[in-house]
Structure formats: C-alpha cells, structure tokens
Amino acid sequence: MSYRNLTPEEDRKLRLQFIAELYQVATDESTLKGQRRALQAYCDALTPWLSVADDARRLRSHFELFAHVEVESETAEDAVFLVTLSPEAELYFQAWISRQRFDPYRDPPL
C-alpha cells in the first residue's frame, strides 16, 4: 500500500481510521494534559515511519492536528464532518500508512 497510489475511496477510509485512532488515544485520557501527552506519545511512536521524502523536517514541536473542521450536515442521529489535516498531521498520516503496510491490524502504536 503506497500512499501515493490510493484511490480516493481508499484514502478517505484510511484517513477515517487514522482520525479514529487519534480520537481513541486522546479520549482514553481524562485531562487535557493527559490527552496531549497521549497524542505526543502516539506521534513519537510513528516518528520512525516518517519518510525523508515526506520532508519530516517541517515538523514543529507543537502543532494543530486539523487545519479545518466543518460540519457538512447534521441530523438527530448523525453528523458528517469535513476534516482537513494540518501539514504536520498529514506527515504523520503518511507515516501511519507506512506502518500499516507492515502491520495493518496493530492497535495504536503505544
């Protein structure tokens, strides 16, 4: 599985899985400080999977995960969000995909 060869449907599915893992890691903690620590540990665990070709040097020590979040539609039972990853989160998403090639059924890398 190469990030650059994904169909739009595969890309959306994988992004949803990645965001779900981020959410899972963060919501396992009860405080904002704990959530930040957990997300940092998650990103640290993905760091070996960052590619030099993906220009990992662009990573800042503190960054937002999402560049844009918008509610596209909402009903009483459901909501559809449009989410754009930040440039740094995009690099970690690509690292996550690299890790998925080797162990697709692995729990979040903590």
N, C-alpha and C. Protein backbone atom coordinates (compact mmCIF):
# COMPACT_ATOMS: atom_id res chain seq x y z
N MET A 1 0.85 -1.17 0.00
CA MET A 1 0.00 0.00 0.00
C MET A 1 0.90 1.24 0.00
N SER A 2 0.86 1.99 -1.05
CA SER A 2 1.61 3.23 -1.13
C SER A 2 0.64 4.39 -1.02
N TYR A 3 1.00 5.36 -0.21
CA TYR A 3 0.11 6.50 -0.02
C TYR A 3 -0.22 7.17 -1.35
N ARG A 4 0.73 7.26 -2.22
CA ARG A 4 0.54 7.99 -3.46
C ARG A 4 -0.29 7.22 -4.49
N ASN A 5 -0.54 5.96 -4.26
CA ASN A 5 -1.29 5.15 -5.22
C ASN A 5 -2.69 4.79 -4.74
N LEU A 6 -3.20 5.49 -3.75
CA LEU A 6 -4.52 5.19 -3.21
C LEU A 6 -5.62 5.79 -4.08
N THR A 7 -6.72 5.05 -4.18
CA THR A 7 -7.90 5.64 -4.81
C THR A 7 -8.51 6.64 -3.83
N PRO A 8 -9.33 7.57 -4.29
CA PRO A 8 -9.98 8.50 -3.35
C PRO A 8 -10.77 7.79 -2.26
N GLU A 9 -11.41 6.69 -2.59
CA GLU A 9 -12.19 5.93 -1.59
C GLU A 9 -11.26 5.31 -0.55
N GLU A 10 -10.15 4.72 -0.99
CA GLU A 10 -9.18 4.14 -0.05
C GLU A 10 -8.59 5.23 0.84
N ASP A 11 -8.29 6.37 0.25
CA ASP A 11 -7.73 7.49 1.00
C ASP A 11 -8.69 7.94 2.11
N ARG A 12 -9.97 8.12 1.78
CA ARG A 12 -10.97 8.53 2.77
C ARG A 12 -11.10 7.49 3.88
N LYS A 13 -11.12 6.22 3.51
CA LYS A 13 -11.25 5.15 4.50
C LYS A 13 -10.06 5.16 5.46
N LEU A 14 -8.85 5.27 4.93
CA LEU A 14 -7.66 5.28 5.78
C LEU A 14 -7.59 6.53 6.65
N ARG A 15 -7.97 7.67 6.10
CA ARG A 15 -7.99 8.90 6.91
C ARG A 15 -8.97 8.76 8.07
N LEU A 16 -10.09 8.16 7.81
CA LEU A 16 -11.07 7.94 8.88
C LEU A 16 -10.50 7.03 9.96
N GLN A 17 -9.79 5.97 9.56
CA GLN A 17 -9.18 5.07 10.53
C GLN A 17 -8.11 5.80 11.35
N PHE A 18 -7.30 6.62 10.68
CA PHE A 18 -6.25 7.38 11.36
C PHE A 18 -6.85 8.35 12.37
N ILE A 19 -7.86 9.09 11.95
CA ILE A 19 -8.51 10.06 12.85
C ILE A 19 -9.18 9.33 14.01
N ALA A 20 -9.76 8.16 13.73
CA ALA A 20 -10.37 7.37 14.80
C ALA A 20 -9.32 6.94 15.83
N GLU A 21 -8.13 6.56 15.37
CA GLU A 21 -7.05 6.20 16.30
C GLU A 21 -6.63 7.41 17.14
N LEU A 22 -6.50 8.57 16.49
CA LEU A 22 -6.16 9.78 17.24
C LEU A 22 -7.21 10.05 18.32
N TYR A 23 -8.46 9.92 17.94
CA TYR A 23 -9.56 10.15 18.87
C TYR A 23 -9.51 9.13 20.01
N GLN A 24 -9.28 7.87 19.69
CA GLN A 24 -9.21 6.82 20.71
C GLN A 24 -8.10 7.10 21.70
N VAL A 25 -6.93 7.45 21.20
CA VAL A 25 -5.78 7.73 22.05
C VAL A 25 -6.08 8.90 22.98
N ALA A 26 -6.70 9.95 22.44
CA ALA A 26 -6.98 11.15 23.23
C ALA A 26 -8.09 10.92 24.25
N THR A 27 -9.12 10.20 23.87
CA THR A 27 -10.26 10.05 24.78
C THR A 27 -10.02 9.03 25.88
N ASP A 28 -8.94 8.28 25.78
CA ASP A 28 -8.59 7.37 26.87
C ASP A 28 -8.07 8.13 28.08
N GLU A 29 -7.77 9.41 27.91
CA GLU A 29 -7.26 10.26 28.99
C GLU A 29 -8.37 11.20 29.46
N SER A 30 -8.37 11.51 30.75
CA SER A 30 -9.46 12.33 31.30
C SER A 30 -9.12 13.82 31.37
N THR A 31 -7.85 14.18 31.25
CA THR A 31 -7.49 15.59 31.33
C THR A 31 -6.87 16.05 30.02
N LEU A 32 -6.92 17.35 29.76
CA LEU A 32 -6.32 17.91 28.56
C LEU A 32 -4.82 17.62 28.51
N LYS A 33 -4.16 17.76 29.65
CA LYS A 33 -2.72 17.48 29.72
C LYS A 33 -2.44 16.01 29.38
N GLY A 34 -3.26 15.12 29.91
CA GLY A 34 -3.11 13.70 29.61
C GLY A 34 -3.36 13.39 28.14
N GLN A 35 -4.35 14.07 27.56
CA GLN A 35 -4.64 13.88 26.14
C GLN A 35 -3.46 14.34 25.28
N ARG A 36 -2.89 15.48 25.64
CA ARG A 36 -1.73 15.97 24.89
C ARG A 36 -0.55 15.02 24.99
N ARG A 37 -0.31 14.51 26.20
CA ARG A 37 0.78 13.54 26.39
C ARG A 37 0.54 12.28 25.57
N ALA A 38 -0.69 11.80 25.57
CA ALA A 38 -1.02 10.57 24.83
C ALA A 38 -0.86 10.79 23.33
N LEU A 39 -1.30 11.93 22.83
CA LEU A 39 -1.15 12.22 21.40
C LEU A 39 0.33 12.38 21.04
N GLN A 40 1.09 12.99 21.93
CA GLN A 40 2.53 13.14 21.68
C GLN A 40 3.20 11.77 21.63
N ALA A 41 2.83 10.89 22.56
CA ALA A 41 3.40 9.54 22.56
C ALA A 41 3.01 8.79 21.28
N TYR A 42 1.79 8.99 20.82
CA TYR A 42 1.31 8.37 19.58
C TYR A 42 2.17 8.85 18.40
N CYS A 43 2.36 10.17 18.32
CA CYS A 43 3.17 10.72 17.23
C CYS A 43 4.62 10.27 17.35
N ASP A 44 5.15 10.24 18.57
CA ASP A 44 6.52 9.77 18.77
C ASP A 44 6.69 8.33 18.27
N ALA A 45 5.68 7.50 18.50
CA ALA A 45 5.74 6.11 18.06
C ALA A 45 5.70 6.00 16.54
N LEU A 46 5.12 6.99 15.88
CA LEU A 46 5.08 6.98 14.41
C LEU A 46 6.32 7.60 13.79
N THR A 47 7.11 8.30 14.57
CA THR A 47 8.27 9.02 14.04
C THR A 47 9.22 8.13 13.23
N PRO A 48 9.51 6.91 13.66
CA PRO A 48 10.40 6.08 12.83
C PRO A 48 9.85 5.79 11.43
N TRP A 49 8.55 5.95 11.27
CA TRP A 49 7.93 5.68 9.98
C TRP A 49 7.90 6.91 9.07
N LEU A 50 8.31 8.05 9.58
CA LEU A 50 8.35 9.26 8.75
C LEU A 50 9.40 9.08 7.67
N SER A 51 9.07 9.51 6.49
CA SER A 51 9.98 9.38 5.36
C SER A 51 10.72 10.69 5.12
N VAL A 52 11.99 10.59 4.85
CA VAL A 52 12.76 11.79 4.50
C VAL A 52 12.14 12.43 3.25
N ALA A 53 11.64 11.61 2.36
CA ALA A 53 11.00 12.13 1.15
C ALA A 53 9.76 12.95 1.49
N ASP A 54 9.14 12.67 2.64
CA ASP A 54 7.97 13.42 3.07
C ASP A 54 8.36 14.70 3.78
N ASP A 55 9.66 15.00 3.83
CA ASP A 55 10.18 16.23 4.43
C ASP A 55 9.78 16.36 5.89
N ALA A 56 10.19 15.37 6.68
CA ALA A 56 9.88 15.34 8.11
C ALA A 56 10.48 16.55 8.84
N ARG A 57 11.40 17.25 8.22
CA ARG A 57 11.99 18.43 8.85
C ARG A 57 10.96 19.54 9.06
N ARG A 58 9.83 19.48 8.37
CA ARG A 58 8.80 20.51 8.52
C ARG A 58 8.04 20.40 9.83
N LEU A 59 8.26 19.34 10.59
CA LEU A 59 7.51 19.12 11.82
C LEU A 59 7.89 20.14 12.88
N ARG A 60 6.89 20.77 13.46
CA ARG A 60 7.11 21.66 14.60
C ARG A 60 6.84 20.85 15.86
N SER A 61 7.39 21.30 16.98
CA SER A 61 7.20 20.56 18.22
C SER A 61 5.75 20.66 18.71
N HIS A 62 5.06 21.75 18.42
CA HIS A 62 3.65 21.92 18.76
C HIS A 62 2.89 22.28 17.49
N PHE A 63 1.81 21.56 17.24
CA PHE A 63 1.03 21.85 16.04
C PHE A 63 -0.41 21.40 16.24
N GLU A 64 -1.28 21.96 15.44
CA GLU A 64 -2.68 21.55 15.42
C GLU A 64 -2.80 20.29 14.58
N LEU A 65 -3.70 19.41 14.95
CA LEU A 65 -3.93 18.21 14.16
C LEU A 65 -4.74 18.52 12.90
N PHE A 66 -5.66 19.46 13.03
CA PHE A 66 -6.57 19.75 11.92
C PHE A 66 -6.42 21.19 11.46
N ALA A 67 -6.32 21.35 10.14
CA ALA A 67 -6.25 22.69 9.56
C ALA A 67 -7.66 23.27 9.43
N HIS A 68 -8.64 22.38 9.26
CA HIS A 68 -10.01 22.84 9.08
C HIS A 68 -10.97 21.71 9.47
N VAL A 69 -12.01 22.07 10.19
CA VAL A 69 -13.07 21.12 10.54
C VAL A 69 -14.39 21.84 10.31
N GLU A 70 -15.28 21.19 9.58
CA GLU A 70 -16.57 21.80 9.25
C GLU A 70 -17.66 20.74 9.34
N VAL A 71 -18.80 21.09 9.90
CA VAL A 71 -19.95 20.19 9.91
C VAL A 71 -20.66 20.36 8.58
N GLU A 72 -20.65 19.31 7.78
CA GLU A 72 -21.28 19.38 6.46
C GLU A 72 -22.78 19.20 6.56
N SER A 73 -23.20 18.25 7.39
CA SER A 73 -24.62 18.02 7.61
C SER A 73 -24.80 17.40 8.99
N GLU A 74 -25.98 17.62 9.55
CA GLU A 74 -26.22 17.11 10.89
C GLU A 74 -27.70 16.76 11.03
N THR A 75 -27.94 15.58 11.60
CA THR A 75 -29.29 15.15 11.92
C THR A 75 -29.32 14.79 13.39
N ALA A 76 -30.46 14.37 13.87
CA ALA A 76 -30.58 13.98 15.28
C ALA A 76 -29.72 12.75 15.58
N GLU A 77 -29.51 11.90 14.59
CA GLU A 77 -28.76 10.66 14.79
C GLU A 77 -27.33 10.70 14.30
N ASP A 78 -26.98 11.66 13.46
CA ASP A 78 -25.71 11.57 12.76
C ASP A 78 -25.19 12.96 12.39
N ALA A 79 -23.90 13.04 12.18
CA ALA A 79 -23.28 14.26 11.68
C ALA A 79 -22.18 13.88 10.70
N VAL A 80 -22.03 14.67 9.67
CA VAL A 80 -20.98 14.46 8.67
C VAL A 80 -20.04 15.65 8.76
N PHE A 81 -18.76 15.34 8.96
CA PHE A 81 -17.74 16.38 9.09
C PHE A 81 -16.81 16.36 7.90
N LEU A 82 -16.36 17.54 7.51
CA LEU A 82 -15.27 17.67 6.55
C LEU A 82 -14.04 18.06 7.36
N VAL A 83 -12.98 17.26 7.26
CA VAL A 83 -11.79 17.48 8.08
C VAL A 83 -10.58 17.56 7.15
N THR A 84 -9.77 18.59 7.36
CA THR A 84 -8.50 18.72 6.64
C THR A 84 -7.38 18.63 7.66
N LEU A 85 -6.49 17.68 7.48
CA LEU A 85 -5.36 17.53 8.39
C LEU A 85 -4.38 18.70 8.21
N SER A 86 -3.73 19.07 9.29
CA SER A 86 -2.67 20.08 9.22
C SER A 86 -1.50 19.48 8.45
N PRO A 87 -0.57 20.30 7.96
CA PRO A 87 0.59 19.74 7.26
C PRO A 87 1.36 18.73 8.11
N GLU A 88 1.52 19.00 9.40
CA GLU A 88 2.23 18.06 10.28
C GLU A 88 1.44 16.77 10.46
N ALA A 89 0.14 16.88 10.69
CA ALA A 89 -0.69 15.68 10.84
C ALA A 89 -0.70 14.88 9.55
N GLU A 90 -0.63 15.56 8.42
CA GLU A 90 -0.56 14.88 7.12
C GLU A 90 0.71 14.01 7.04
N LEU A 91 1.82 14.53 7.54
CA LEU A 91 3.06 13.74 7.55
C LEU A 91 2.92 12.52 8.44
N TYR A 92 2.27 12.69 9.61
CA TYR A 92 2.06 11.54 10.49
C TYR A 92 1.07 10.54 9.88
N PHE A 93 0.10 11.04 9.14
CA PHE A 93 -0.82 10.15 8.42
C PHE A 93 -0.04 9.30 7.42
N GLN A 94 0.88 9.91 6.69
CA GLN A 94 1.69 9.17 5.73
C GLN A 94 2.59 8.16 6.45
N ALA A 95 3.11 8.54 7.62
CA ALA A 95 3.90 7.60 8.42
C ALA A 95 3.02 6.45 8.89
N TRP A 96 1.80 6.76 9.29
CA TRP A 96 0.84 5.74 9.75
C TRP A 96 0.57 4.75 8.62
N ILE A 97 0.42 5.26 7.40
CA ILE A 97 0.19 4.38 6.25
C ILE A 97 1.40 3.46 6.05
N SER A 98 2.60 4.00 6.17
CA SER A 98 3.81 3.17 6.05
C SER A 98 3.80 2.06 7.08
N ARG A 99 3.43 2.41 8.31
CA ARG A 99 3.35 1.40 9.37
C ARG A 99 2.28 0.36 9.05
N GLN A 100 1.16 0.80 8.50
CA GLN A 100 0.05 -0.11 8.16
C GLN A 100 0.47 -1.16 7.14
N ARG A 101 1.39 -0.82 6.26
CA ARG A 101 1.85 -1.80 5.27
C ARG A 101 2.44 -3.02 5.93
N PHE A 102 3.10 -2.82 7.07
CA PHE A 102 3.80 -3.90 7.75
C PHE A 102 2.94 -4.60 8.80
N ASP A 103 2.01 -3.89 9.40
CA ASP A 103 1.19 -4.47 10.47
C ASP A 103 -0.18 -3.81 10.50
N PRO A 104 -1.03 -4.14 9.54
CA PRO A 104 -2.31 -3.43 9.41
C PRO A 104 -3.30 -3.66 10.55
N TYR A 105 -3.10 -4.67 11.37
CA TYR A 105 -4.06 -4.96 12.43
C TYR A 105 -3.55 -4.54 13.80
N ARG A 106 -2.48 -3.82 13.82
CA ARG A 106 -1.88 -3.39 15.08
C ARG A 106 -2.74 -2.30 15.74
N ASP A 107 -2.83 -2.37 17.04
CA ASP A 107 -3.51 -1.32 17.81
C ASP A 107 -2.69 -0.05 17.70
N PRO A 108 -3.23 1.08 18.15
CA PRO A 108 -2.43 2.30 18.11
C PRO A 108 -1.04 2.05 18.68
N PRO A 109 -0.04 2.63 18.06
CA PRO A 109 1.36 2.30 18.39
C PRO A 109 1.84 2.92 19.68
N LEU A 110 1.33 2.46 20.80
CA LEU A 110 1.76 3.00 22.08
C LEU A 110 2.36 1.90 22.93
